[in-house]
Protein backbone atom coordinates (compact mmCIF):
# COMPACT_ATOMS: atom_id res chain seq x y z
CA MET A 1 96.52 57.60 113.59
CA ASN A 2 99.46 58.50 116.34
CA ALA A 3 99.39 61.93 117.50
CA GLU A 4 102.94 61.76 117.10
CA GLN A 5 102.64 61.15 113.37
CA GLN A 6 100.23 63.47 113.02
CA LYS A 7 98.81 65.14 110.00
CA LEU A 8 97.84 68.27 109.37
CA SER A 9 94.56 69.83 108.22
CA ILE A 10 94.57 71.84 104.78
CA LYS A 11 93.04 74.83 106.79
CA GLU A 12 95.86 74.63 109.16
CA LYS A 13 98.69 74.11 106.00
CA VAL A 14 97.21 77.08 104.41
CA GLY A 15 96.36 79.32 107.35
CA TYR A 16 100.08 78.81 108.64
CA SER A 17 100.88 79.67 104.77
CA LEU A 18 99.13 82.81 104.86
CA GLY A 19 101.87 84.30 107.37
CA ASP A 20 104.28 84.08 104.84
CA THR A 21 102.08 85.46 102.09
CA ALA A 22 101.85 88.81 104.77
CA SER A 23 105.70 88.72 105.10
CA ASN A 24 106.61 88.47 101.53
CA LEU A 25 104.64 91.65 100.92
CA PHE A 26 107.02 93.54 102.47
CA PHE A 27 110.18 91.50 102.09
CA LEU A 28 109.70 91.27 98.36
CA THR A 29 109.39 95.07 98.58
CA PHE A 30 112.23 95.60 100.52
CA LEU A 31 114.14 93.41 98.06
CA ILE A 32 113.44 94.69 94.99
CA PHE A 33 112.15 98.31 95.15
CA MET A 34 113.60 99.72 98.46
CA PRO A 35 117.47 99.83 97.13
CA LYS A 36 116.13 102.14 93.81
CA PHE A 37 113.52 103.86 96.25
CA TYR A 38 116.29 105.70 98.33
CA THR A 39 118.41 106.49 95.74
CA ASP A 40 116.02 107.61 93.21
CA VAL A 41 113.18 109.01 95.35
CA PHE A 42 114.01 109.71 98.69
CA GLY A 43 117.15 110.96 97.58
CA LEU A 44 120.04 109.23 99.21
CA THR A 45 123.43 108.86 97.26
CA ALA A 46 124.32 105.01 96.97
CA SER A 47 127.33 105.15 99.02
CA ALA A 48 125.19 106.29 101.60
CA VAL A 49 122.33 103.77 101.12
CA ALA A 50 125.41 101.25 100.93
CA VAL A 51 126.75 102.00 104.35
CA MET A 52 123.36 102.06 106.27
CA PHE A 53 121.95 98.47 104.93
CA LEU A 54 125.40 97.21 105.49
CA VAL A 55 124.88 98.51 109.38
CA THR A 56 121.23 98.57 110.06
CA LYS A 57 121.27 94.65 108.70
CA ILE A 58 123.79 93.63 110.58
CA TRP A 59 122.45 94.58 113.91
CA ASP A 60 118.81 93.11 112.51
CA ALA A 61 120.81 89.88 112.50
CA VAL A 62 122.32 90.32 115.67
CA ASN A 63 118.97 90.54 117.18
CA ASP A 64 117.26 87.32 115.42
CA PRO A 65 119.53 84.85 118.15
CA LEU A 66 118.12 87.41 120.92
CA MET A 67 114.39 86.99 119.52
CA GLY A 68 114.94 82.84 119.31
CA ILE A 69 116.15 83.05 123.12
CA ILE A 70 113.16 84.96 123.98
CA ALA A 71 110.74 83.45 122.17
CA ASP A 72 111.93 79.46 123.43
CA ARG A 73 111.49 81.19 127.21
CA THR A 74 107.98 82.33 126.54
CA ASP A 75 105.06 80.27 128.13
CA THR A 76 101.14 81.45 127.59
CA LYS A 77 98.14 79.92 126.89
CA MET A 78 98.37 80.72 123.89
CA GLY A 79 101.69 78.62 123.27
CA LYS A 80 105.33 80.44 122.65
CA TYR A 81 105.45 81.60 119.55
CA ARG A 82 101.98 82.00 118.30
CA PRO A 83 101.43 85.01 120.67
CA TYR A 84 104.47 87.37 118.90
CA ILE A 85 102.18 87.33 115.60
CA LEU A 86 98.66 88.41 117.06
CA TRP A 87 100.89 91.34 119.23
CA PHE A 88 103.49 92.83 116.60
CA ALA A 89 101.51 92.29 113.55
CA ILE A 90 99.77 96.11 113.46
CA PRO A 91 103.37 97.92 114.76
CA LEU A 92 104.54 96.01 111.81
CA GLY A 93 102.18 97.21 109.15
CA VAL A 94 102.81 100.85 110.82
CA ALA A 95 106.46 100.47 110.45
CA GLY A 96 106.43 99.23 106.89
CA VAL A 97 104.36 102.59 106.12
CA LEU A 98 106.46 104.98 107.98
CA THR A 99 109.86 103.12 106.21
CA PHE A 100 108.59 104.31 102.66
CA THR A 101 107.50 107.61 104.21
CA THR A 102 109.74 110.61 102.24
CA PRO A 103 109.70 113.35 104.58
CA GLY A 104 110.37 117.06 103.76
CA PHE A 105 113.82 116.77 105.46
CA GLY A 106 117.45 117.65 104.63
CA GLU A 107 120.26 115.33 103.47
CA ASN A 108 120.92 114.82 106.71
CA GLY A 109 117.59 114.69 108.38
CA LYS A 110 116.60 111.97 105.88
CA LEU A 111 119.18 109.73 106.17
CA ILE A 112 118.88 109.86 110.16
CA TYR A 113 115.16 109.09 109.44
CA ALA A 114 116.01 106.60 107.04
CA TYR A 115 118.13 104.43 109.49
CA ILE A 116 115.41 104.88 111.99
CA THR A 117 112.54 103.71 110.24
CA TYR A 118 114.42 100.87 108.57
CA THR A 119 115.93 99.86 111.89
CA ALA A 120 112.10 99.88 113.35
CA VAL A 121 110.72 97.91 110.44
CA MET A 122 113.70 95.10 110.42
CA MET A 123 113.04 94.50 114.43
CA LEU A 124 109.50 94.10 114.23
CA TYR A 125 110.09 91.53 110.95
CA THR A 126 112.68 89.87 113.07
CA ILE A 127 109.93 90.06 116.18
CA VAL A 128 106.88 88.77 114.07
CA ASN A 129 108.84 86.54 111.85
CA VAL A 130 110.90 84.29 114.42
CA PRO A 131 108.29 82.68 115.85
CA TYR A 132 106.38 82.62 112.73
CA SER A 133 109.46 79.99 111.47
CA ALA A 134 109.25 78.17 114.78
CA LEU A 135 106.05 77.46 114.57
CA MET A 136 106.40 75.46 111.60
CA GLY A 137 108.59 73.02 113.77
CA VAL A 138 106.21 72.24 116.73
CA MET A 139 102.66 72.11 114.50
CA THR A 140 103.89 68.58 113.89
CA PRO A 141 106.53 66.05 114.93
CA ASN A 142 106.61 64.54 111.38
CA ALA A 143 109.53 65.61 109.22
CA ALA A 144 107.89 64.75 105.82
CA GLU A 145 104.59 66.57 106.61
CA ARG A 146 107.19 69.13 108.04
CA THR A 147 107.97 69.19 104.47
CA VAL A 148 104.09 69.32 103.21
CA VAL A 149 103.87 72.25 105.36
CA SER A 150 107.03 74.33 103.82
CA SER A 151 105.41 73.71 100.39
CA TYR A 152 102.37 75.06 101.40
CA ARG A 153 103.98 78.14 102.88
CA PHE A 154 106.56 79.11 100.00
CA VAL A 155 103.76 78.94 97.47
CA ALA A 156 102.05 81.08 99.90
CA ALA A 157 104.85 83.25 99.64
CA PHE A 158 104.93 83.27 95.95
CA VAL A 159 101.88 84.37 96.03
CA GLY A 160 102.81 87.60 98.36
CA GLN A 161 105.73 87.95 96.11
CA PHE A 162 103.62 87.88 92.82
CA PHE A 163 101.38 90.98 94.18
CA ALA A 164 104.06 92.66 95.57
CA GLN A 165 106.05 92.72 92.21
CA TYR A 166 102.73 93.55 90.60
CA ALA A 167 101.30 95.83 92.79
CA VAL A 168 103.96 98.11 93.98
CA GLY A 169 105.14 99.38 90.61
CA MET A 170 101.79 100.11 89.24
CA LEU A 171 100.06 101.30 92.94
CA VAL A 172 102.87 103.59 92.93
CA VAL A 173 101.77 104.86 89.68
CA LYS A 174 98.30 105.00 90.39
CA PHE A 175 98.25 106.41 93.82
CA GLY A 176 100.87 108.76 93.06
CA GLY A 177 99.92 110.54 90.00
CA GLY A 178 103.65 111.29 89.36
CA ASP A 179 104.59 111.73 92.65
CA ASP A 180 106.24 108.59 93.54
CA ALA A 181 107.15 109.72 97.04
CA LYS A 182 103.29 109.59 97.51
CA GLY A 183 102.70 106.53 95.90
CA TYR A 184 105.14 104.12 97.68
CA GLN A 185 103.45 105.62 100.66
CA LEU A 186 99.77 104.72 99.73
CA ALA A 187 101.43 101.74 97.93
CA LEU A 188 102.52 100.78 101.24
CA GLY A 189 99.67 101.46 103.52
CA LEU A 190 97.78 98.90 100.91
CA LEU A 191 99.98 96.36 101.13
CA SER A 192 100.62 96.66 105.39
CA THR A 193 97.04 96.32 105.84
CA ILE A 194 96.49 93.47 103.87
CA ALA A 195 99.54 91.73 105.91
CA VAL A 196 98.35 92.55 109.04
CA ILE A 197 94.69 90.46 108.16
CA LEU A 198 96.90 88.10 107.26
CA LEU A 199 98.95 87.66 109.98
CA PHE A 200 95.79 87.39 112.07
CA ILE A 201 94.35 84.81 110.33
CA THR A 202 97.58 82.51 110.59
CA PHE A 203 97.53 82.86 114.59
CA ALA A 204 93.56 81.63 114.40
CA THR A 205 94.07 78.50 112.50
CA THR A 206 97.38 77.11 113.91
CA LYS A 207 98.39 75.25 116.93
CA GLU A 208 101.47 74.36 118.72
CA ARG A 209 101.70 70.61 119.74
CA VAL A 210 105.41 69.65 119.77
CA HIS A 211 106.93 70.85 123.15
CA PRO A 212 110.66 70.46 124.96
CA PRO A 213 111.28 67.22 127.03
CA LYS A 214 109.82 67.70 130.23
CA GLY A 215 111.95 68.80 132.98
CA GLN A 216 113.97 70.88 130.09
CA LYS A 217 116.28 73.40 131.48
CA SER A 218 117.26 76.39 128.94
CA PRO A 219 120.62 77.73 130.04
CA ILE A 220 121.79 80.10 127.20
CA ARG A 221 124.82 78.94 127.17
CA GLN A 222 124.34 75.34 126.85
CA ASP A 223 121.70 76.53 123.94
CA MET A 224 124.51 78.44 122.16
CA ARG A 225 126.68 75.40 122.70
CA ASP A 226 124.19 72.70 121.24
CA LEU A 227 123.68 75.15 118.26
CA LEU A 228 127.61 76.11 117.30
CA THR A 229 127.85 72.08 117.62
CA ASN A 230 125.03 71.55 115.31
CA GLY A 231 126.72 70.61 112.24
CA PRO A 232 124.01 70.12 110.06
CA TRP A 233 122.42 73.60 110.63
CA LEU A 234 126.18 75.48 110.67
CA MET A 235 126.25 73.83 106.82
CA ILE A 236 122.62 75.08 105.80
CA GLY A 237 123.32 78.28 107.94
CA ILE A 238 126.34 78.88 105.76
CA ALA A 239 124.55 78.01 102.69
CA THR A 240 121.71 80.51 103.62
CA PHE A 241 124.12 82.99 103.88
CA PHE A 242 125.69 82.54 100.17
CA GLN A 243 121.76 82.01 98.73
CA LEU A 244 120.38 85.29 100.16
CA SER A 245 123.54 87.08 99.56
CA PHE A 246 122.62 85.86 95.62
CA ILE A 247 119.08 86.88 95.80
CA SER A 248 119.78 89.99 97.20
CA LEU A 249 122.34 91.28 95.20
CA ARG A 250 120.46 89.52 91.68
CA SER A 251 116.75 91.13 92.90
CA GLY A 252 117.80 94.52 93.14
CA ILE A 253 119.67 94.90 90.32
CA ILE A 254 116.30 94.23 88.10
CA PRO A 255 115.14 97.61 88.49
CA TYR A 256 118.05 98.92 87.28
CA TYR A 257 118.93 96.28 84.52
CA PHE A 258 115.38 97.09 83.04
CA ASP A 259 116.04 100.83 83.69
CA TYR A 260 119.21 101.67 82.24
CA TYR A 261 120.41 98.58 80.23
CA VAL A 262 117.17 96.38 78.31
CA SER A 263 115.89 97.85 75.10
CA SER A 264 111.83 98.95 75.33
CA GLY A 265 109.64 100.55 73.01
CA GLU A 266 108.30 98.62 70.00
CA VAL A 267 110.16 94.95 70.85
CA SER A 268 108.79 91.49 70.69
CA LEU A 269 108.57 89.57 73.25
CA LEU A 270 107.60 85.63 73.47
CA GLY A 271 106.04 86.44 70.01
CA ILE A 272 104.23 89.49 71.15
CA THR A 273 105.08 92.09 69.28
CA ARG A 274 104.10 95.96 70.59
CA ASP A 275 104.97 98.90 72.50
CA TRP A 276 106.72 97.52 75.73
CA SER A 277 107.51 100.19 78.67
CA SER A 278 110.32 99.40 80.89
CA GLU A 279 107.93 99.26 83.47
CA THR A 280 105.67 96.83 82.12
CA LEU A 281 108.84 94.49 81.04
CA LEU A 282 110.03 95.13 84.69
CA THR A 283 106.35 93.81 85.90
CA THR A 284 106.01 91.01 83.29
CA TYR A 285 109.66 89.87 84.07
CA LEU A 286 108.95 89.57 88.02
CA MET A 287 105.64 87.85 87.65
CA SER A 288 106.27 85.20 85.21
CA GLY A 289 109.39 84.47 87.03
CA THR A 290 107.38 84.14 90.09
CA ALA A 291 104.72 82.02 88.66
CA ILE A 292 107.62 79.48 87.18
CA MET A 293 109.24 79.50 90.60
CA VAL A 294 105.48 78.58 92.09
CA LEU A 295 106.21 75.81 89.91
CA GLY A 296 109.35 74.72 91.32
CA ALA A 297 108.19 74.47 94.93
CA VAL A 298 104.69 72.60 94.12
CA LEU A 299 106.96 69.79 92.98
CA THR A 300 109.64 69.77 95.61
CA LYS A 301 107.39 67.01 97.83
CA LYS A 302 108.01 64.92 94.95
CA LEU A 303 111.96 66.01 94.25
CA THR A 304 112.80 65.03 97.54
CA LYS A 305 111.40 61.83 97.81
CA MET A 306 113.47 60.33 94.66
CA ILE A 307 116.72 62.27 95.02
CA GLY A 308 116.77 64.19 99.08
CA LYS A 309 116.83 67.33 100.26
CA ALA A 310 120.17 68.05 99.84
CA ILE A 311 120.97 66.89 96.67
CA SER A 312 118.19 68.73 95.67
CA TYR A 313 118.73 72.20 97.60
CA TRP A 314 122.55 72.09 96.05
CA GLY A 315 121.96 70.97 92.59
CA PHE A 316 119.55 73.71 91.84
CA LEU A 317 120.66 76.56 93.39
CA GLY A 318 124.06 75.39 91.16
CA LEU A 319 121.31 75.36 88.37
CA SER A 320 120.21 79.03 89.65
CA ALA A 321 123.63 80.22 89.32
CA ALA A 322 124.33 78.91 85.67
CA ALA A 323 121.20 80.49 84.39
CA THR A 324 122.11 83.84 86.11
CA ALA A 325 125.33 83.92 84.67
CA LEU A 326 124.16 83.57 80.83
CA TYR A 327 123.32 87.15 81.21
CA TYR A 328 126.78 88.46 81.00
CA PHE A 329 126.39 87.10 77.28
CA LEU A 330 123.03 89.03 76.20
CA ASP A 331 122.63 92.34 74.42
CA PRO A 332 120.01 94.64 75.68
CA ASP A 333 117.44 93.51 73.01
CA ASP A 334 117.98 90.00 73.56
CA LEU A 335 114.37 89.78 75.56
CA ASN A 336 113.33 86.46 74.84
CA LEU A 337 117.23 84.79 76.08
CA MET A 338 116.18 87.35 79.34
CA PHE A 339 112.74 85.59 80.47
CA ILE A 340 113.80 82.04 79.27
CA LEU A 341 117.05 82.01 81.12
CA ASN A 342 114.48 83.87 84.18
CA PHE A 343 112.11 80.94 83.82
CA VAL A 344 115.06 78.69 84.40
CA ARG A 345 116.54 80.26 87.47
CA SER A 346 113.22 81.28 88.80
CA PHE A 347 112.07 76.86 88.66
CA ALA A 348 115.58 76.07 89.97
CA MET A 349 114.62 78.71 93.00
CA GLY A 350 111.37 77.21 94.27
CA PRO A 351 112.71 73.73 95.34
CA VAL A 352 115.32 76.01 96.89
CA SER A 353 113.46 78.21 99.32
CA VAL A 354 111.10 75.36 100.23
CA LEU A 355 113.83 73.03 101.85
CA GLN A 356 115.68 75.76 103.03
CA TRP A 357 113.34 75.84 105.98
CA ALA A 358 112.04 72.35 106.08
CA MET A 359 115.75 71.41 106.36
CA TYR A 360 116.12 73.85 109.33
CA THR A 361 113.19 71.86 111.20
CA ASP A 362 115.03 68.53 110.26
CA CYS A 363 118.40 70.66 112.42
CA ALA A 364 116.33 71.12 115.21
CA ASP A 365 115.03 67.22 115.21
CA TYR A 366 118.37 66.19 114.97
CA SER A 367 119.66 68.72 117.62
CA GLU A 368 117.16 67.15 120.24
CA TRP A 369 118.03 63.70 118.91
CA LYS A 370 121.87 64.14 119.93
CA THR A 371 121.40 66.35 122.92
CA GLY A 372 117.78 65.69 124.65
CA ARG A 373 117.33 69.43 124.34
CA ARG A 374 114.96 70.98 122.15
CA ALA A 375 115.18 75.29 121.78
CA THR A 376 113.26 75.50 118.17
CA ALA A 377 112.90 78.97 117.95
CA LEU A 378 116.78 79.75 118.80
CA ILE A 379 117.85 77.31 115.87
CA MET A 380 115.49 79.32 113.26
CA SER A 381 116.25 82.35 114.47
CA ALA A 382 119.45 82.13 114.30
CA SER A 383 118.87 80.55 110.87
CA LEU A 384 117.13 83.91 110.55
CA PHE A 385 120.68 85.77 111.52
CA SER A 386 122.30 83.86 108.32
CA LEU A 387 119.82 84.51 106.29
CA LYS A 388 120.00 88.47 107.47
CA MET A 389 123.35 88.94 107.05
CA GLY A 390 123.09 87.29 103.62
CA LEU A 391 120.68 89.93 102.89
CA ALA A 392 123.14 92.61 104.65
CA VAL A 393 126.24 91.54 102.36
CA GLY A 394 124.35 91.67 99.42
CA SER A 395 122.21 94.41 99.52
CA ALA A 396 125.47 96.50 100.85
CA ALA A 397 127.31 95.19 98.01
CA LEU A 398 125.14 96.18 95.10
CA THR A 399 125.20 99.29 96.25
CA TRP A 400 128.57 99.97 96.64
CA ILE A 401 129.66 98.01 93.36
CA LEU A 402 127.07 100.72 91.55
CA ALA A 403 128.76 103.05 93.22
CA ILE A 404 132.20 101.83 92.14
CA TYR A 405 130.98 101.88 88.52
CA GLY A 406 130.00 105.50 88.89
CA TYR A 407 126.38 104.69 88.84
CA LYS A 408 124.17 108.11 88.94
CA ALA A 409 120.54 108.07 89.83
CA ASN A 410 117.99 109.39 87.29
CA VAL A 411 120.46 109.93 84.22
CA GLU A 412 121.73 108.24 81.09
CA GLN A 413 124.18 105.73 82.49
CA SER A 414 128.06 105.93 81.30
CA GLU A 415 129.59 102.53 79.37
CA GLU A 416 131.03 101.89 82.50
CA SER A 417 127.81 101.96 85.45
CA ILE A 418 126.35 99.62 82.46
CA LYS A 419 129.05 97.37 82.78
CA GLY A 420 128.49 97.67 86.50
CA ILE A 421 124.94 96.92 85.96
CA VAL A 422 125.27 93.94 83.70
CA LEU A 423 127.98 92.10 86.24
CA LEU A 424 125.92 92.73 89.24
CA MET A 425 123.07 91.02 86.91
CA SER A 426 125.17 87.96 86.11
CA ILE A 427 128.82 86.83 86.96
CA TYR A 428 128.81 88.62 90.66
CA PRO A 429 125.79 86.67 92.17
CA ALA A 430 126.24 83.51 90.32
CA ILE A 431 129.96 83.34 91.74
CA ILE A 432 128.36 83.59 95.32
CA ALA A 433 125.40 81.04 94.76
CA LEU A 434 128.10 78.49 93.64
CA PHE A 435 129.64 78.89 97.01
CA GLY A 436 126.17 77.70 98.75
CA MET A 437 126.14 74.81 96.71
CA ILE A 438 129.70 73.58 97.27
CA VAL A 439 128.97 74.04 101.02
CA MET A 440 125.25 71.55 100.95
CA VAL A 441 127.08 69.08 99.00
CA PHE A 442 128.76 67.67 101.89
CA TYR A 443 125.25 68.11 104.34
CA PRO A 444 124.52 64.31 106.15
CA LEU A 445 120.62 64.80 107.06
CA ASN A 446 119.38 62.56 103.92
CA ASN A 447 116.23 60.62 103.88
CA LYS A 448 117.37 57.50 105.50
CA LYS A 449 118.99 59.13 108.65
CA MET A 450 115.80 61.71 109.39
CA THR A 451 113.61 58.53 109.12
CA GLN A 452 115.47 56.62 111.99
CA ILE A 453 116.12 60.46 113.96
CA GLU A 454 112.06 60.77 113.14
CA THR A 455 111.36 57.41 115.09
CA GLU A 456 113.75 57.37 117.87
CA LEU A 457 112.26 60.63 118.68
CA VAL A 458 108.90 58.76 118.83
CA GLU A 459 109.83 55.95 121.46
CA ARG A 460 111.25 58.48 123.35
CA ARG A 461 108.84 60.87 123.44
CA LYS A 462 106.45 57.86 124.42
CA GLN A 463 108.98 56.68 126.92
CA ALA A 464 108.66 60.13 128.70
CA GLU A 465 104.90 59.84 128.71
CA ASN A 466 104.79 56.36 130.25
CA ASP A 467 107.16 57.10 132.91
CA SER A 468 105.40 60.44 133.98
CA ALA A 469 102.40 58.83 134.25
CA GLU A 470 103.51 56.19 136.44
CA VAL A 471 104.48 58.89 138.58
C-alpha cells in the first residue's frame, strides 16, 4: 500500500481517540455542571457568572490561534503536536481540580478566584487540545481515513461524556456526603487523574506522518491570509460558532430544567413506574442521550458515503433544531416525550460532531492544494476559536437570560423564571442551530472535490520527493 494512502492501525485509532475521552471528562463537566456549580454551590450570582463566562471565553478563544501558530512552528524529535499532549496533561488535571474547589473567601475574593482558575484551566485545555486536534490532520493524508479516525474519536468522546454525565452527579453526592463543595472537588480529582492517564496513552500510541512541503516558510501574515481566504473553512467556522452556541445553551439549561420544571416522584418513564428523583431523571436523560449519540457517530461513515459530509452535517443539525424546538410544547409530566425527542436530537448530533472535525482537516488539505502551503494547527486552532466563541456566547447568554427572567438559586421559581427555563430548553437554542444549518447548505467540498484534491496532493508530494532525490 502506498504510504500516502496509508490506513492506520486500530491501536493507533483507539489510542488517538482516548485523548478525546480525556478532553470530554473536562468539557462535558464544564458544559453541563459548571453554570449550576457557580450559581448554586460556589455562590456567585447568575449575572456575575454571565460576565465571567463572556470575558474569559473571549480571551480563551483569542489565544487558540496563538497556540496554533506556536504549534505549527514547533519542531522536536517527538513531532510538532504530540509533545504538548505529554508536557501539559498534568497541569491541566491540577487546574481542573482547582477550578472546582470552593475557597472560604468573601464574595469578591471568590469572584477573583473563579476568574483566575477558570482562565487557567481553559488556557491549559487550549495548550493540549489545539495540538491534539491538529494531530488528526497529520496522522494520515487519506481524507476518508481521517473520517474514520474522527468516528473513533467521537465514539471515545461520547464515552467520556457518558462517564462524566453519570459520574459527576453521583460522585458529588458520594464524596460530599451533603457537602457539594467538597463533593465537586473530590469528583474532579478522580476525573482529572483518569484524563491525565488517557492523554499519556494518546501520546504513546500516535505518530505524525504528514509534514509541510519541504522548504515551506511560515510567515504569520501569509498563514493568516491563507486562512481568511479559505472559503470552506470560513463556512464551517461560522457553522461551528452557531453549533456550539446551540450546544452550550441547551446543555447548560438541562440541570435547571430537571430541577425546577420536570415532574419527579412517582411517575412512569418509558414503561417504568417508580419513585424518580430529579437527580436520577437527569442522569438517565443525559446518559441515554449520549448512548444514542454514539450510534449516530458510528453510522457517520455510511451516511457520508451516501450523501456527503456537507449534506449530512446541515441536515442532521436541522433535525436536531426541530427536535429541540418541540420541547416548548411539553408539560412537566411529559417525560416520555422529553426522552423520545432527546433520542432524536442526540442521534442527529452524532454525525454533526464527527463531521465537524473531519471537515476541518479537509479544509487543511484544501488550503495546501490551493496555496502550496500547509498550516494544520492554525486551521484547527482557528476552528477552536470559533468553537469557543460559540461556547462563550452560549454560556453567557444562558446565565444572562436566566437573570432577565428573574432566576434565583435554590428557591421555588416564579412563573416568569420557569418560562425562561423552558424557552432556553427549546426555542432559543433551536433558532441558533438553524443559523448554522443555513450556512452549511453552501459548503463546496463534496466527496468528488475531496477525491480530486487528495489525488493531486499525493502527486505533488511524490514529485517533490523525486525532485529532492535528484538534487
